[in-house]
Protein backbone atom coordinates (compact mmCIF):
# COMPACT_ATOMS: atom_id res chain seq x y z
CA UNK A 1 0.00 0.00 0.00
CA UNK A 2 1.27 3.48 -0.93
CA UNK A 3 1.42 5.75 2.13
CA UNK A 4 1.38 9.45 1.21
CA UNK A 5 3.88 11.77 2.88
CA UNK A 6 2.66 14.73 4.91
CA UNK A 7 1.56 17.73 2.83
CA UNK A 8 4.58 19.49 1.34
CA UNK A 9 7.09 16.74 2.23
CA UNK A 10 9.16 15.20 -0.56
CA UNK A 11 11.19 12.01 -0.85
CA UNK A 12 14.52 13.72 -1.63
CA UNK A 13 14.16 15.84 1.54
CA UNK A 14 13.44 12.76 3.68
CA UNK A 15 16.47 10.95 2.29
CA UNK A 16 18.63 13.12 4.54
CA UNK A 17 16.56 12.06 7.57
CA UNK A 18 17.65 8.42 7.77
CA UNK A 19 15.67 7.79 10.96
CA UNK A 20 12.36 7.96 9.07
CA UNK A 21 13.63 5.49 6.45
CA UNK A 22 14.73 3.08 9.19
CA UNK A 23 11.35 3.40 10.88
CA UNK A 24 9.53 2.66 7.60
CA UNK A 25 11.76 -0.36 6.92
CA UNK A 26 10.72 -1.81 10.27
CA UNK A 27 7.08 -1.43 9.20
CA UNK A 28 7.59 -3.60 6.10
CA UNK A 29 6.04 -6.91 7.16
CA UNK A 30 7.69 -9.02 4.46
CA UNK A 31 11.38 -9.39 5.35
CA UNK A 32 12.27 -9.48 1.63
CA UNK A 33 10.78 -6.03 1.04
CA UNK A 34 12.34 -2.65 1.71
CA UNK A 35 10.81 0.78 2.22
CA UNK A 36 10.97 2.94 -0.89
CA UNK A 37 10.09 6.62 -1.01
CA UNK A 38 8.63 7.14 -4.49
CA UNK A 39 6.54 9.53 -6.50
CA UNK A 40 3.33 7.97 -7.81
CA UNK A 41 1.52 8.41 -11.12
CA UNK A 42 -0.47 11.29 -9.58
CA UNK A 43 2.74 13.15 -8.57
CA UNK A 44 2.31 12.35 -4.86
CA UNK A 45 5.32 11.40 -2.74
CA UNK A 46 5.02 8.44 -0.39
CA UNK A 47 6.35 5.22 1.08
CA UNK A 48 5.73 1.69 -0.13
CA UNK A 49 7.26 -1.68 0.79
CA UNK A 50 8.64 -3.34 -2.36
CA UNK A 51 11.39 -5.68 -3.47
CA UNK A 52 14.54 -3.86 -4.56
CA UNK A 53 14.70 -3.64 -8.36
CA UNK A 54 17.58 -2.89 -10.71
CA UNK A 55 16.72 0.35 -12.52
CA UNK A 56 18.36 0.92 -15.93
CA UNK A 57 20.38 4.04 -16.77
CA UNK A 58 18.12 7.05 -17.42
CA UNK A 59 15.06 5.43 -15.80
CA UNK A 60 13.34 5.83 -12.43
CA UNK A 61 11.04 3.79 -10.23
CA UNK A 62 7.57 5.14 -9.46
CA UNK A 63 4.41 3.76 -7.87
CA UNK A 64 1.73 2.77 -10.39
CA UNK A 65 -1.61 3.21 -8.59
CA UNK A 66 -3.58 1.19 -11.16
CA UNK A 67 -1.29 -1.83 -10.86
CA UNK A 68 -0.67 -1.19 -7.13
CA UNK A 69 3.07 -1.79 -7.46
CA UNK A 70 6.37 -0.15 -8.29
CA UNK A 71 7.09 0.30 -11.99
CA UNK A 72 9.83 1.94 -14.11
CA UNK A 73 9.62 4.97 -16.41
CA UNK A 74 11.90 7.43 -18.19
CA UNK A 75 13.64 9.97 -15.92
CA UNK A 76 12.64 13.63 -16.28
CA UNK A 77 14.75 16.69 -15.57
CA UNK A 78 18.48 17.23 -15.23
CA UNK A 79 19.66 14.93 -12.45
CA UNK A 80 18.96 11.39 -13.73
CA UNK A 81 20.81 8.11 -13.10
CA UNK A 82 23.80 7.84 -15.45
CA UNK A 83 24.18 4.12 -14.70
CA UNK A 84 22.09 1.23 -13.41
CA UNK A 85 20.93 1.79 -9.80
CA UNK A 86 19.00 -0.05 -7.11
CA UNK A 87 15.45 1.25 -6.76
CA UNK A 88 16.17 2.50 -3.22
CA UNK A 89 18.84 4.87 -4.61
CA UNK A 90 16.33 6.85 -6.68
CA UNK A 91 16.06 9.47 -3.92
CA UNK A 92 19.55 10.67 -4.87
CA UNK A 93 18.28 11.79 -8.29
CA UNK A 94 16.00 14.84 -8.44
CA UNK A 95 14.96 13.88 -11.98
CA UNK A 96 13.13 10.87 -10.54
CA UNK A 97 10.81 13.20 -8.63
CA UNK A 98 9.91 15.67 -11.38
CA UNK A 99 6.19 16.03 -11.97
CA UNK A 100 4.94 14.01 -14.92
CA UNK A 101 2.09 14.89 -17.21
CA UNK A 102 -0.31 11.96 -17.44
CA UNK A 103 0.32 11.52 -21.17
CA UNK A 104 4.01 10.86 -20.44
CA UNK A 105 3.35 7.74 -18.34
PDB file of N, CA and C in Angstrom:
ATOM      1  N   UNK A   1       0.839  -1.170   0.000  1.00  0.00           N
ATOM      2  CA  UNK A   1       0.000   0.000   0.000  1.00  0.00           C
ATOM      3  C   UNK A   1       0.896   1.248   0.000  1.00  0.00           C
ATOM      4  N   UNK A   2       0.528   2.230  -0.810  1.00  0.00           N
ATOM      5  CA  UNK A   2       1.268   3.484  -0.933  1.00  0.00           C
ATOM      6  C   UNK A   2       0.809   4.437   0.164  1.00  0.00           C
ATOM      7  N   UNK A   3       1.729   4.850   1.014  1.00  0.00           N
ATOM      8  CA  UNK A   3       1.418   5.748   2.131  1.00  0.00           C
ATOM      9  C   UNK A   3       1.935   7.145   1.807  1.00  0.00           C
ATOM     10  N   UNK A   4       1.003   8.084   1.578  1.00  0.00           N
ATOM     11  CA  UNK A   4       1.383   9.451   1.212  1.00  0.00           C
ATOM     12  C   UNK A   4       2.179  10.131   2.323  1.00  0.00           C
ATOM     13  N   UNK A   5       3.142  10.950   1.919  1.00  0.00           N
ATOM     14  CA  UNK A   5       3.875  11.771   2.883  1.00  0.00           C
ATOM     15  C   UNK A   5       2.990  12.921   3.332  1.00  0.00           C
ATOM     16  N   UNK A   6       3.384  13.550   4.431  1.00  0.00           N
ATOM     17  CA  UNK A   6       2.657  14.728   4.906  1.00  0.00           C
ATOM     18  C   UNK A   6       2.696  15.816   3.845  1.00  0.00           C
ATOM     19  N   UNK A   7       1.672  16.638   3.806  1.00  0.00           N
ATOM     20  CA  UNK A   7       1.556  17.730   2.833  1.00  0.00           C
ATOM     21  C   UNK A   7       2.852  18.535   2.760  1.00  0.00           C
ATOM     22  N   UNK A   8       3.379  18.690   1.567  1.00  0.00           N
ATOM     23  CA  UNK A   8       4.580  19.489   1.339  1.00  0.00           C
ATOM     24  C   UNK A   8       5.889  18.734   1.484  1.00  0.00           C
ATOM     25  N   UNK A   9       5.866  17.536   2.062  1.00  0.00           N
ATOM     26  CA  UNK A   9       7.094  16.744   2.226  1.00  0.00           C
ATOM     27  C   UNK A   9       7.433  16.038   0.914  1.00  0.00           C
ATOM     28  N   UNK A  10       8.729  15.891   0.648  1.00  0.00           N
ATOM     29  CA  UNK A  10       9.163  15.200  -0.565  1.00  0.00           C
ATOM     30  C   UNK A  10      10.171  14.108  -0.214  1.00  0.00           C
ATOM     31  N   UNK A  11      10.255  13.122  -1.073  1.00  0.00           N
ATOM     32  CA  UNK A  11      11.189  12.010  -0.851  1.00  0.00           C
ATOM     33  C   UNK A  11      12.648  12.461  -0.781  1.00  0.00           C
ATOM     34  N   UNK A  12      13.119  13.306  -1.724  1.00  0.00           N
ATOM     35  CA  UNK A  12      14.525  13.724  -1.627  1.00  0.00           C
ATOM     36  C   UNK A  12      14.859  14.416  -0.303  1.00  0.00           C
ATOM     37  N   UNK A  13      13.916  15.187   0.253  1.00  0.00           N
ATOM     38  CA  UNK A  13      14.158  15.837   1.545  1.00  0.00           C
ATOM     39  C   UNK A  13      14.286  14.800   2.656  1.00  0.00           C
ATOM     40  N   UNK A  14      13.426  13.777   2.628  1.00  0.00           N
ATOM     41  CA  UNK A  14      13.443  12.757   3.676  1.00  0.00           C
ATOM     42  C   UNK A  14      14.668  11.866   3.614  1.00  0.00           C
ATOM     43  N   UNK A  15      15.280  11.781   2.454  1.00  0.00           N
ATOM     44  CA  UNK A  15      16.474  10.951   2.291  1.00  0.00           C
ATOM     45  C   UNK A  15      17.548  11.348   3.300  1.00  0.00           C
ATOM     46  N   UNK A  16      17.612  12.628   3.620  1.00  0.00           N
ATOM     47  CA  UNK A  16      18.631  13.119   4.545  1.00  0.00           C
ATOM     48  C   UNK A  16      18.242  12.882   6.000  1.00  0.00           C
ATOM     49  N   UNK A  17      17.029  12.401   6.232  1.00  0.00           N
ATOM     50  CA  UNK A  17      16.560  12.055   7.571  1.00  0.00           C
ATOM     51  C   UNK A  17      16.461  10.535   7.659  1.00  0.00           C
ATOM     52  N   UNK A  18      17.589   9.879   7.792  1.00  0.00           N
ATOM     53  CA  UNK A  18      17.649   8.416   7.768  1.00  0.00           C
ATOM     54  C   UNK A  18      16.764   7.740   8.801  1.00  0.00           C
ATOM     55  N   UNK A  19      16.470   8.415   9.907  1.00  0.00           N
ATOM     56  CA  UNK A  19      15.670   7.785  10.957  1.00  0.00           C
ATOM     57  C   UNK A  19      14.279   7.427  10.446  1.00  0.00           C
ATOM     58  N   UNK A  20      13.697   8.268   9.607  1.00  0.00           N
ATOM     59  CA  UNK A  20      12.365   7.965   9.073  1.00  0.00           C
ATOM     60  C   UNK A  20      12.416   6.764   8.132  1.00  0.00           C
ATOM     61  N   UNK A  21      13.469   6.654   7.329  1.00  0.00           N
ATOM     62  CA  UNK A  21      13.625   5.487   6.454  1.00  0.00           C
ATOM     63  C   UNK A  21      13.753   4.210   7.278  1.00  0.00           C
ATOM     64  N   UNK A  22      14.549   4.260   8.346  1.00  0.00           N
ATOM     65  CA  UNK A  22      14.732   3.076   9.189  1.00  0.00           C
ATOM     66  C   UNK A  22      13.413   2.667   9.829  1.00  0.00           C
ATOM     67  N   UNK A  23      12.651   3.668  10.270  1.00  0.00           N
ATOM     68  CA  UNK A  23      11.350   3.400  10.878  1.00  0.00           C
ATOM     69  C   UNK A  23      10.413   2.735   9.863  1.00  0.00           C
ATOM     70  N   UNK A  24      10.396   3.231   8.640  1.00  0.00           N
ATOM     71  CA  UNK A  24       9.527   2.662   7.603  1.00  0.00           C
ATOM     72  C   UNK A  24       9.970   1.251   7.234  1.00  0.00           C
ATOM     73  N   UNK A  25      11.272   0.987   7.211  1.00  0.00           N
ATOM     74  CA  UNK A  25      11.755  -0.363   6.916  1.00  0.00           C
ATOM     75  C   UNK A  25      11.265  -1.359   7.960  1.00  0.00           C
ATOM     76  N   UNK A  26      11.190  -0.935   9.206  1.00  0.00           N
ATOM     77  CA  UNK A  26      10.723  -1.815  10.268  1.00  0.00           C
ATOM     78  C   UNK A  26       9.238  -2.123  10.101  1.00  0.00           C
ATOM     79  N   UNK A  27       8.506  -1.226   9.418  1.00  0.00           N
ATOM     80  CA  UNK A  27       7.075  -1.427   9.202  1.00  0.00           C
ATOM     81  C   UNK A  27       6.793  -2.376   8.039  1.00  0.00           C
ATOM     82  N   UNK A  28       7.783  -2.669   7.210  1.00  0.00           N
ATOM     83  CA  UNK A  28       7.594  -3.603   6.098  1.00  0.00           C
ATOM     84  C   UNK A  28       7.467  -5.008   6.685  1.00  0.00           C
ATOM     85  N   UNK A  29       6.305  -5.616   6.536  1.00  0.00           N
ATOM     86  CA  UNK A  29       6.038  -6.910   7.159  1.00  0.00           C
ATOM     87  C   UNK A  29       6.779  -8.058   6.490  1.00  0.00           C
ATOM     88  N   UNK A  30       6.970  -7.977   5.194  1.00  0.00           N
ATOM     89  CA  UNK A  30       7.692  -9.015   4.462  1.00  0.00           C
ATOM     90  C   UNK A  30       9.184  -8.716   4.569  1.00  0.00           C
ATOM     91  N   UNK A  31       9.953  -9.639   5.130  1.00  0.00           N
ATOM     92  CA  UNK A  31      11.382  -9.392   5.345  1.00  0.00           C
ATOM     93  C   UNK A  31      12.162  -9.215   4.045  1.00  0.00           C
ATOM     94  N   UNK A  32      11.602  -9.636   2.920  1.00  0.00           N
ATOM     95  CA  UNK A  32      12.273  -9.477   1.627  1.00  0.00           C
ATOM     96  C   UNK A  32      12.002  -8.120   0.985  1.00  0.00           C
ATOM     97  N   UNK A  33      11.134  -7.337   1.610  1.00  0.00           N
ATOM     98  CA  UNK A  33      10.778  -6.034   1.039  1.00  0.00           C
ATOM     99  C   UNK A  33      11.440  -4.918   1.831  1.00  0.00           C
ATOM    100  N   UNK A  34      11.657  -3.807   1.141  1.00  0.00           N
ATOM    101  CA  UNK A  34      12.342  -2.651   1.707  1.00  0.00           C
ATOM    102  C   UNK A  34      11.491  -1.414   1.465  1.00  0.00           C
ATOM    103  N   UNK A  35      11.543  -0.471   2.398  1.00  0.00           N
ATOM    104  CA  UNK A  35      10.808   0.782   2.221  1.00  0.00           C
ATOM    105  C   UNK A  35      11.425   1.585   1.082  1.00  0.00           C
ATOM    106  N   UNK A  36      10.577   2.063   0.208  1.00  0.00           N
ATOM    107  CA  UNK A  36      10.970   2.940  -0.891  1.00  0.00           C
ATOM    108  C   UNK A  36      10.162   4.226  -0.761  1.00  0.00           C
ATOM    109  N   UNK A  37      10.802   5.350  -0.942  1.00  0.00           N
ATOM    110  CA  UNK A  37      10.087   6.620  -1.014  1.00  0.00           C
ATOM    111  C   UNK A  37      10.034   6.981  -2.495  1.00  0.00           C
ATOM    112  N   UNK A  38       8.821   6.958  -3.054  1.00  0.00           N
ATOM    113  CA  UNK A  38       8.632   7.140  -4.492  1.00  0.00           C
ATOM    114  C   UNK A  38       7.610   8.220  -4.779  1.00  0.00           C
ATOM    115  N   UNK A  39       7.621   8.696  -6.003  1.00  0.00           N
ATOM    116  CA  UNK A  39       6.536   9.533  -6.503  1.00  0.00           C
ATOM    117  C   UNK A  39       5.576   8.574  -7.206  1.00  0.00           C
ATOM    118  N   UNK A  40       4.276   8.858  -7.131  1.00  0.00           N
ATOM    119  CA  UNK A  40       3.331   7.974  -7.813  1.00  0.00           C
ATOM    120  C   UNK A  40       2.876   8.594  -9.133  1.00  0.00           C
ATOM    121  N   UNK A  41       1.974   7.926  -9.815  1.00  0.00           N
ATOM    122  CA  UNK A  41       1.517   8.405 -11.118  1.00  0.00           C
ATOM    123  C   UNK A  41       0.579   9.605 -11.024  1.00  0.00           C
ATOM    124  N   UNK A  42       0.314  10.069  -9.802  1.00  0.00           N
ATOM    125  CA  UNK A  42      -0.467  11.289  -9.576  1.00  0.00           C
ATOM    126  C   UNK A  42       0.422  12.402  -9.010  1.00  0.00           C
ATOM    127  N   UNK A  43       1.737  12.202  -9.059  1.00  0.00           N
ATOM    128  CA  UNK A  43       2.743  13.155  -8.567  1.00  0.00           C
ATOM    129  C   UNK A  43       2.732  13.340  -7.056  1.00  0.00           C
ATOM    130  N   UNK A  44       2.260  12.333  -6.316  1.00  0.00           N
ATOM    131  CA  UNK A  44       2.310  12.348  -4.857  1.00  0.00           C
ATOM    132  C   UNK A  44       3.562  11.607  -4.402  1.00  0.00           C
ATOM    133  N   UNK A  45       4.159  12.074  -3.327  1.00  0.00           N
ATOM    134  CA  UNK A  45       5.317  11.401  -2.744  1.00  0.00           C
ATOM    135  C   UNK A  45       4.829  10.517  -1.604  1.00  0.00           C
ATOM    136  N   UNK A  46       5.433   9.321  -1.474  1.00  0.00           N
ATOM    137  CA  UNK A  46       5.018   8.442  -0.393  1.00  0.00           C
ATOM    138  C   UNK A  46       5.900   7.219  -0.259  1.00  0.00           C
ATOM    139  N   UNK A  47       5.607   6.443   0.789  1.00  0.00           N
ATOM    140  CA  UNK A  47       6.352   5.222   1.083  1.00  0.00           C
ATOM    141  C   UNK A  47       5.563   3.996   0.646  1.00  0.00           C
ATOM    142  N   UNK A  48       6.306   2.985   0.213  1.00  0.00           N
ATOM    143  CA  UNK A  48       5.733   1.687  -0.132  1.00  0.00           C
ATOM    144  C   UNK A  48       6.791   0.618   0.153  1.00  0.00           C
ATOM    145  N   UNK A  49       6.358  -0.550   0.578  1.00  0.00           N
ATOM    146  CA  UNK A  49       7.265  -1.681   0.787  1.00  0.00           C
ATOM    147  C   UNK A  49       7.296  -2.506  -0.492  1.00  0.00           C
ATOM    148  N   UNK A  50       8.469  -2.621  -1.090  1.00  0.00           N
ATOM    149  CA  UNK A  50       8.636  -3.342  -2.357  1.00  0.00           C
ATOM    150  C   UNK A  50       9.974  -4.071  -2.358  1.00  0.00           C
ATOM    151  N   UNK A  51      10.093  -5.059  -3.224  1.00  0.00           N
ATOM    152  CA  UNK A  51      11.391  -5.684  -3.469  1.00  0.00           C
ATOM    153  C   UNK A  51      12.296  -4.676  -4.158  1.00  0.00           C
ATOM    154  N   UNK A  52      13.582  -4.745  -3.887  1.00  0.00           N
ATOM    155  CA  UNK A  52      14.537  -3.862  -4.561  1.00  0.00           C
ATOM    156  C   UNK A  52      14.675  -4.318  -6.005  1.00  0.00           C
ATOM    157  N   UNK A  53      14.555  -3.362  -6.932  1.00  0.00           N
ATOM    158  CA  UNK A  53      14.697  -3.636  -8.364  1.00  0.00           C
ATOM    159  C   UNK A  53      15.952  -2.976  -8.904  1.00  0.00           C
ATOM    160  N   UNK A  54      16.504  -3.534  -9.951  1.00  0.00           N
ATOM    161  CA  UNK A  54      17.578  -2.887 -10.712  1.00  0.00           C
ATOM    162  C   UNK A  54      16.902  -1.935 -11.692  1.00  0.00           C
ATOM    163  N   UNK A  55      17.305  -0.671 -11.661  1.00  0.00           N
ATOM    164  CA  UNK A  55      16.719   0.355 -12.522  1.00  0.00           C
ATOM    165  C   UNK A  55      17.753   0.730 -13.579  1.00  0.00           C
ATOM    166  N   UNK A  56      17.407   0.607 -14.867  1.00  0.00           N
ATOM    167  CA  UNK A  56      18.363   0.922 -15.935  1.00  0.00           C
ATOM    168  C   UNK A  56      18.748   2.404 -15.971  1.00  0.00           C
ATOM    169  N   UNK A  57      19.888   2.676 -16.549  1.00  0.00           N
ATOM    170  CA  UNK A  57      20.382   4.041 -16.768  1.00  0.00           C
ATOM    171  C   UNK A  57      19.271   4.893 -17.400  1.00  0.00           C
ATOM    172  N   UNK A  58      19.090   6.113 -16.861  1.00  0.00           N
ATOM    173  CA  UNK A  58      18.121   7.047 -17.417  1.00  0.00           C
ATOM    174  C   UNK A  58      16.672   6.775 -17.058  1.00  0.00           C
ATOM    175  N   UNK A  59      16.430   5.787 -16.210  1.00  0.00           N
ATOM    176  CA  UNK A  59      15.065   5.426 -15.798  1.00  0.00           C
ATOM    177  C   UNK A  59      14.908   5.644 -14.302  1.00  0.00           C
ATOM    178  N   UNK A  60      13.649   5.633 -13.847  1.00  0.00           N
ATOM    179  CA  UNK A  60      13.338   5.831 -12.434  1.00  0.00           C
ATOM    180  C   UNK A  60      12.193   4.922 -12.009  1.00  0.00           C
ATOM    181  N   UNK A  61      12.196   4.512 -10.744  1.00  0.00           N
ATOM    182  CA  UNK A  61      11.037   3.790 -10.227  1.00  0.00           C
ATOM    183  C   UNK A  61       9.940   4.783  -9.848  1.00  0.00           C
ATOM    184  N   UNK A  62       8.699   4.352  -9.941  1.00  0.00           N
ATOM    185  CA  UNK A  62       7.566   5.136  -9.462  1.00  0.00           C
ATOM    186  C   UNK A  62       6.497   4.152  -9.021  1.00  0.00           C
ATOM    187  N   UNK A  63       5.488   4.639  -8.299  1.00  0.00           N
ATOM    188  CA  UNK A  63       4.407   3.759  -7.872  1.00  0.00           C
ATOM    189  C   UNK A  63       3.240   3.914  -8.824  1.00  0.00           C
ATOM    190  N   UNK A  64       2.853   2.806  -9.445  1.00  0.00           N
ATOM    191  CA  UNK A  64       1.729   2.772 -10.386  1.00  0.00           C
ATOM    192  C   UNK A  64       0.468   2.428  -9.591  1.00  0.00           C
ATOM    193  N   UNK A  65      -0.406   3.419  -9.398  1.00  0.00           N
ATOM    194  CA  UNK A  65      -1.613   3.213  -8.591  1.00  0.00           C
ATOM    195  C   UNK A  65      -2.562   2.187  -9.202  1.00  0.00           C
ATOM    196  N   UNK A  66      -2.659   2.145 -10.513  1.00  0.00           N
ATOM    197  CA  UNK A  66      -3.576   1.193 -11.156  1.00  0.00           C
ATOM    198  C   UNK A  66      -3.123  -0.246 -10.926  1.00  0.00           C
ATOM    199  N   UNK A  67      -1.821  -0.475 -11.032  1.00  0.00           N
ATOM    200  CA  UNK A  67      -1.286  -1.828 -10.857  1.00  0.00           C
ATOM    201  C   UNK A  67      -0.940  -2.131  -9.399  1.00  0.00           C
ATOM    202  N   UNK A  68      -0.974  -1.088  -8.562  1.00  0.00           N
ATOM    203  CA  UNK A  68      -0.667  -1.195  -7.131  1.00  0.00           C
ATOM    204  C   UNK A  68       0.712  -1.793  -6.872  1.00  0.00           C
ATOM    205  N   UNK A  69       1.692  -1.316  -7.649  1.00  0.00           N
ATOM    206  CA  UNK A  69       3.065  -1.788  -7.458  1.00  0.00           C
ATOM    207  C   UNK A  69       4.049  -0.787  -8.063  1.00  0.00           C
ATOM    208  N   UNK A  70       5.309  -0.979  -7.732  1.00  0.00           N
ATOM    209  CA  UNK A  70       6.365  -0.150  -8.289  1.00  0.00           C
ATOM    210  C   UNK A  70       6.562  -0.518  -9.759  1.00  0.00           C
ATOM    211  N   UNK A  71       6.818   0.497 -10.573  1.00  0.00           N
ATOM    212  CA  UNK A  71       7.093   0.302 -11.994  1.00  0.00           C
ATOM    213  C   UNK A  71       8.271   1.202 -12.369  1.00  0.00           C
ATOM    214  N   UNK A  72       8.672   1.171 -13.629  1.00  0.00           N
ATOM    215  CA  UNK A  72       9.828   1.940 -14.107  1.00  0.00           C
ATOM    216  C   UNK A  72       9.398   2.812 -15.276  1.00  0.00           C
ATOM    217  N   UNK A  73       9.902   4.052 -15.299  1.00  0.00           N
ATOM    218  CA  UNK A  73       9.622   4.968 -16.408  1.00  0.00           C
ATOM    219  C   UNK A  73      10.853   5.820 -16.689  1.00  0.00           C
ATOM    220  N   UNK A  74      10.812   6.551 -17.780  1.00  0.00           N
ATOM    221  CA  UNK A  74      11.900   7.433 -18.186  1.00  0.00           C
ATOM    222  C   UNK A  74      12.089   8.539 -17.149  1.00  0.00           C
ATOM    223  N   UNK A  75      13.323   8.879 -16.848  1.00  0.00           N
ATOM    224  CA  UNK A  75      13.639   9.965 -15.921  1.00  0.00           C
ATOM    225  C   UNK A  75      13.356  11.306 -16.596  1.00  0.00           C
ATOM    226  N   UNK A  76      12.898  12.278 -15.813  1.00  0.00           N
ATOM    227  CA  UNK A  76      12.636  13.635 -16.279  1.00  0.00           C
ATOM    228  C   UNK A  76      13.665  14.566 -15.636  1.00  0.00           C
ATOM    229  N   UNK A  77      13.901  15.701 -16.221  1.00  0.00           N
ATOM    230  CA  UNK A  77      14.750  16.690 -15.571  1.00  0.00           C
ATOM    231  C   UNK A  77      16.229  16.472 -15.807  1.00  0.00           C
ATOM    232  N   UNK A  78      17.035  17.181 -15.004  1.00  0.00           N
ATOM    233  CA  UNK A  78      18.482  17.233 -15.228  1.00  0.00           C
ATOM    234  C   UNK A  78      19.269  16.173 -14.472  1.00  0.00           C
ATOM    235  N   UNK A  79      18.876  15.848 -13.268  1.00  0.00           N
ATOM    236  CA  UNK A  79      19.663  14.927 -12.447  1.00  0.00           C
ATOM    237  C   UNK A  79      19.060  13.528 -12.511  1.00  0.00           C
ATOM    238  N   UNK A  80      19.471  12.752 -13.510  1.00  0.00           N
ATOM    239  CA  UNK A  80      18.963  11.394 -13.727  1.00  0.00           C
ATOM    240  C   UNK A  80      20.097  10.384 -13.552  1.00  0.00           C
ATOM    241  N   UNK A  81      19.766   9.135 -13.245  1.00  0.00           N
ATOM    242  CA  UNK A  81      20.812   8.114 -13.097  1.00  0.00           C
ATOM    243  C   UNK A  81      21.615   7.931 -14.389  1.00  0.00           C
ATOM    244  N   UNK A  82      22.932   8.004 -14.275  1.00  0.00           N
ATOM    245  CA  UNK A  82      23.802   7.843 -15.448  1.00  0.00           C
ATOM    246  C   UNK A  82      24.305   6.407 -15.578  1.00  0.00           C
ATOM    247  N   UNK A  83      23.851   5.545 -14.656  1.00  0.00           N
ATOM    248  CA  UNK A  83      24.183   4.122 -14.699  1.00  0.00           C
ATOM    249  C   UNK A  83      23.062   3.361 -14.002  1.00  0.00           C
ATOM    250  N   UNK A  84      23.094   2.044 -14.085  1.00  0.00           N
ATOM    251  CA  UNK A  84      22.086   1.231 -13.405  1.00  0.00           C
ATOM    252  C   UNK A  84      22.165   1.473 -11.901  1.00  0.00           C
ATOM    253  N   UNK A  85      21.000   1.574 -11.247  1.00  0.00           N
ATOM    254  CA  UNK A  85      20.930   1.792  -9.798  1.00  0.00           C
ATOM    255  C   UNK A  85      19.954   0.795  -9.174  1.00  0.00           C
ATOM    256  N   UNK A  86      20.041   0.647  -7.859  1.00  0.00           N
ATOM    257  CA  UNK A  86      18.996  -0.051  -7.114  1.00  0.00           C
ATOM    258  C   UNK A  86      17.839   0.915  -6.922  1.00  0.00           C
ATOM    259  N   UNK A  87      16.634   0.404  -6.886  1.00  0.00           N
ATOM    260  CA  UNK A  87      15.447   1.253  -6.764  1.00  0.00           C
ATOM    261  C   UNK A  87      15.467   2.132  -5.518  1.00  0.00           C
ATOM    262  N   UNK A  88      16.104   1.692  -4.445  1.00  0.00           N
ATOM    263  CA  UNK A  88      16.166   2.497  -3.223  1.00  0.00           C
ATOM    264  C   UNK A  88      17.058   3.726  -3.381  1.00  0.00           C
ATOM    265  N   UNK A  89      17.925   3.743  -4.388  1.00  0.00           N
ATOM    266  CA  UNK A  89      18.842   4.867  -4.608  1.00  0.00           C
ATOM    267  C   UNK A  89      18.206   5.997  -5.409  1.00  0.00           C
ATOM    268  N   UNK A  90      16.983   5.831  -5.855  1.00  0.00           N
ATOM    269  CA  UNK A  90      16.333   6.854  -6.685  1.00  0.00           C
ATOM    270  C   UNK A  90      16.264   8.212  -5.991  1.00  0.00           C
ATOM    271  N   UNK A  91      16.175   8.212  -4.658  1.00  0.00           N
ATOM    272  CA  UNK A  91      16.059   9.475  -3.924  1.00  0.00           C
ATOM    273  C   UNK A  91      17.269  10.382  -4.108  1.00  0.00           C
ATOM    274  N   UNK A  92      18.356   9.855  -4.623  1.00  0.00           N
ATOM    275  CA  UNK A  92      19.552  10.666  -4.871  1.00  0.00           C
ATOM    276  C   UNK A  92      19.455  11.443  -6.183  1.00  0.00           C
ATOM    277  N   UNK A  93      18.405  11.198  -6.955  1.00  0.00           N
ATOM    278  CA  UNK A  93      18.278  11.788  -8.288  1.00  0.00           C
ATOM    279  C   UNK A  93      16.995  12.610  -8.388  1.00  0.00           C
ATOM    280  N   UNK A  94      17.155  13.945  -8.385  1.00  0.00           N
ATOM    281  CA  UNK A  94      15.996  14.839  -8.444  1.00  0.00           C
ATOM    282  C   UNK A  94      15.112  14.562  -9.653  1.00  0.00           C
ATOM    283  N   UNK A  95      15.724  14.158 -10.767  1.00  0.00           N
ATOM    284  CA  UNK A  95      14.958  13.885 -11.979  1.00  0.00           C
ATOM    285  C   UNK A  95      13.916  12.795 -11.797  1.00  0.00           C
ATOM    286  N   UNK A  96      14.104  11.937 -10.807  1.00  0.00           N
ATOM    287  CA  UNK A  96      13.132  10.869 -10.537  1.00  0.00           C
ATOM    288  C   UNK A  96      11.893  11.390  -9.818  1.00  0.00           C
ATOM    289  N   UNK A  97      11.931  12.638  -9.383  1.00  0.00           N
ATOM    290  CA  UNK A  97      10.810  13.200  -8.627  1.00  0.00           C
ATOM    291  C   UNK A  97      10.200  14.417  -9.312  1.00  0.00           C
ATOM    292  N   UNK A  98      10.535  14.611 -10.592  1.00  0.00           N
ATOM    293  CA  UNK A  98       9.912  15.674 -11.381  1.00  0.00           C
ATOM    294  C   UNK A  98       8.454  15.300 -11.622  1.00  0.00           C
ATOM    295  N   UNK A  99       7.591  16.306 -11.687  1.00  0.00           N
ATOM    296  CA  UNK A  99       6.187  16.027 -11.975  1.00  0.00           C
ATOM    297  C   UNK A  99       6.039  15.571 -13.415  1.00  0.00           C
ATOM    298  N   UNK A 100       5.215  14.569 -13.602  1.00  0.00           N
ATOM    299  CA  UNK A 100       4.938  14.010 -14.924  1.00  0.00           C
ATOM    300  C   UNK A 100       3.546  14.439 -15.367  1.00  0.00           C
ATOM    301  N   UNK A 101       3.421  14.724 -16.644  1.00  0.00           N
ATOM    302  CA  UNK A 101       2.086  14.891 -17.214  1.00  0.00           C
ATOM    303  C   UNK A 101       1.563  13.477 -17.445  1.00  0.00           C
ATOM    304  N   UNK A 102       0.273  13.299 -17.331  1.00  0.00           N
ATOM    305  CA  UNK A 102      -0.308  11.959 -17.438  1.00  0.00           C
ATOM    306  C   UNK A 102      -0.092  11.324 -18.799  1.00  0.00           C
ATOM    307  N   UNK A 103       0.092  12.108 -19.849  1.00  0.00           N
ATOM    308  CA  UNK A 103       0.318  11.522 -21.171  1.00  0.00           C
ATOM    309  C   UNK A 103       1.753  11.041 -21.341  1.00  0.00           C
ATOM    310  N   UNK A 104       2.626  11.304 -20.360  1.00  0.00           N
ATOM    311  CA  UNK A 104       4.015  10.859 -20.436  1.00  0.00           C
ATOM    312  C   UNK A 104       4.215   9.507 -19.767  1.00  0.00           C
ATOM    313  N   UNK A 105       3.199   9.005 -19.088  1.00  0.00           N
ATOM    314  CA  UNK A 105       3.346   7.742 -18.343  1.00  0.00           C
ATOM    315  C   UNK A 105       3.275   6.549 -19.249  1.00  0.00           C
TER     316      UNK A 105
END
